[in-house]
Amino acid sequence: MIGDTYESIAIVAHGGVINNILRAFYQMPINMDYYFKIGDTGISLIELTKRKR
């Protein structure tokens, strides 16, 4: 599906995985002692705009 664009995607995962996705997105060091408050169950919305992250 090269060249296709998506307006929305869903990722179903444990809270720890979502935490690591956010850490990678924000380019945080792996050894940094910081965690996002994400429960084991919930809905997280990450909205990207045309502005830089």
C-alpha atoms as a PDB file:
ATOM      1  CA  MET A   1       0.000   0.000   0.000  1.00  0.00           C
ATOM      2  CA  ILE A   2       2.775   2.422  -0.857  1.00  0.00           C
ATOM      3  CA  GLY A   3       1.509   5.933  -1.430  1.00  0.00           C
ATOM      4  CA  ASP A   4      -1.698   5.506   0.537  1.00  0.00           C
ATOM      5  CA  THR A   5      -2.431   7.976   3.305  1.00  0.00           C
ATOM      6  CA  TYR A   6      -4.564   7.432   6.355  1.00  0.00           C
ATOM      7  CA  GLU A   7      -6.594   9.987   8.252  1.00  0.00           C
ATOM      8  CA  SER A   8      -6.929   7.764  11.324  1.00  0.00           C
ATOM      9  CA  ILE A   9      -5.289   4.658  12.706  1.00  0.00           C
ATOM     10  CA  ALA A  10      -6.024   2.648  15.840  1.00  0.00           C
ATOM     11  CA  ILE A  11      -3.417   0.902  17.959  1.00  0.00           C
ATOM     12  CA  VAL A  12      -4.701  -1.616  20.488  1.00  0.00           C
ATOM     13  CA  ALA A  13      -2.031  -2.266  23.103  1.00  0.00           C
ATOM     14  CA  HIS A  14      -1.171  -2.399  26.798  1.00  0.00           C
ATOM     15  CA  GLY A  15      -0.543   0.928  28.552  1.00  0.00           C
ATOM     16  CA  GLY A  16       3.197   0.221  28.745  1.00  0.00           C
ATOM     17  CA  VAL A  17       3.405  -0.109  24.968  1.00  0.00           C
ATOM     18  CA  ILE A  18       1.542   3.170  24.470  1.00  0.00           C
ATOM     19  CA  ASN A  19       3.944   4.785  26.953  1.00  0.00           C
ATOM     20  CA  ASN A  20       6.926   3.584  24.914  1.00  0.00           C
ATOM     21  CA  ILE A  21       5.339   4.781  21.659  1.00  0.00           C
ATOM     22  CA  LEU A  22       4.960   8.257  23.180  1.00  0.00           C
ATOM     23  CA  ARG A  23       8.537   8.215  24.463  1.00  0.00           C
ATOM     24  CA  ALA A  24       9.786   7.303  20.972  1.00  0.00           C
ATOM     25  CA  PHE A  25       7.578   9.958  19.366  1.00  0.00           C
ATOM     26  CA  TYR A  26       9.027  12.641  21.648  1.00  0.00           C
ATOM     27  CA  GLN A  27      12.548  11.203  21.188  1.00  0.00           C
ATOM     28  CA  MET A  28      13.019  10.724  24.925  1.00  0.00           C
ATOM     29  CA  PRO A  29      16.068   8.697  26.020  1.00  0.00           C
ATOM     30  CA  ILE A  30      15.309   5.119  27.047  1.00  0.00           C
ATOM     31  CA  ASN A  31      17.114   5.564  30.370  1.00  0.00           C
ATOM     32  CA  MET A  32      15.169   8.733  31.251  1.00  0.00           C
ATOM     33  CA  ASP A  33      13.191   8.223  34.452  1.00  0.00           C
ATOM     34  CA  TYR A  34       9.862   9.605  33.213  1.00  0.00           C
ATOM     35  CA  TYR A  35       6.574   7.896  32.425  1.00  0.00           C
ATOM     36  CA  PHE A  36       3.311   9.191  31.015  1.00  0.00           C
ATOM     37  CA  LYS A  37       0.304   8.561  33.255  1.00  0.00           C
ATOM     38  CA  ILE A  38      -1.479   5.947  31.183  1.00  0.00           C
ATOM     39  CA  GLY A  39      -3.538   3.238  32.786  1.00  0.00           C
ATOM     40  CA  ASP A  40      -3.668  -0.353  31.641  1.00  0.00           C
ATOM     41  CA  THR A  41      -7.051   0.307  30.060  1.00  0.00           C
ATOM     42  CA  GLY A  42      -8.233   3.449  28.336  1.00  0.00           C
ATOM     43  CA  ILE A  43      -8.415   5.432  25.153  1.00  0.00           C
ATOM     44  CA  SER A  44      -5.555   7.741  24.206  1.00  0.00           C
ATOM     45  CA  LEU A  45      -5.842  10.206  21.347  1.00  0.00           C
ATOM     46  CA  ILE A  46      -2.760  11.556  19.623  1.00  0.00           C
ATOM     47  CA  GLU A  47      -3.621  14.266  17.139  1.00  0.00           C
ATOM     48  CA  LEU A  48      -1.069  15.423  14.583  1.00  0.00           C
ATOM     49  CA  THR A  49      -1.425  18.677  12.719  1.00  0.00           C
ATOM     50  CA  LYS A  50       0.578  20.127   9.878  1.00  0.00           C
ATOM     51  CA  ARG A  51       2.699  22.019  12.412  1.00  0.00           C
ATOM     52  CA  LYS A  52       5.901  20.382  13.578  1.00  0.00           C
ATOM     53  CA  ARG A  53       5.609  18.128  16.601  1.00  0.00           C
END
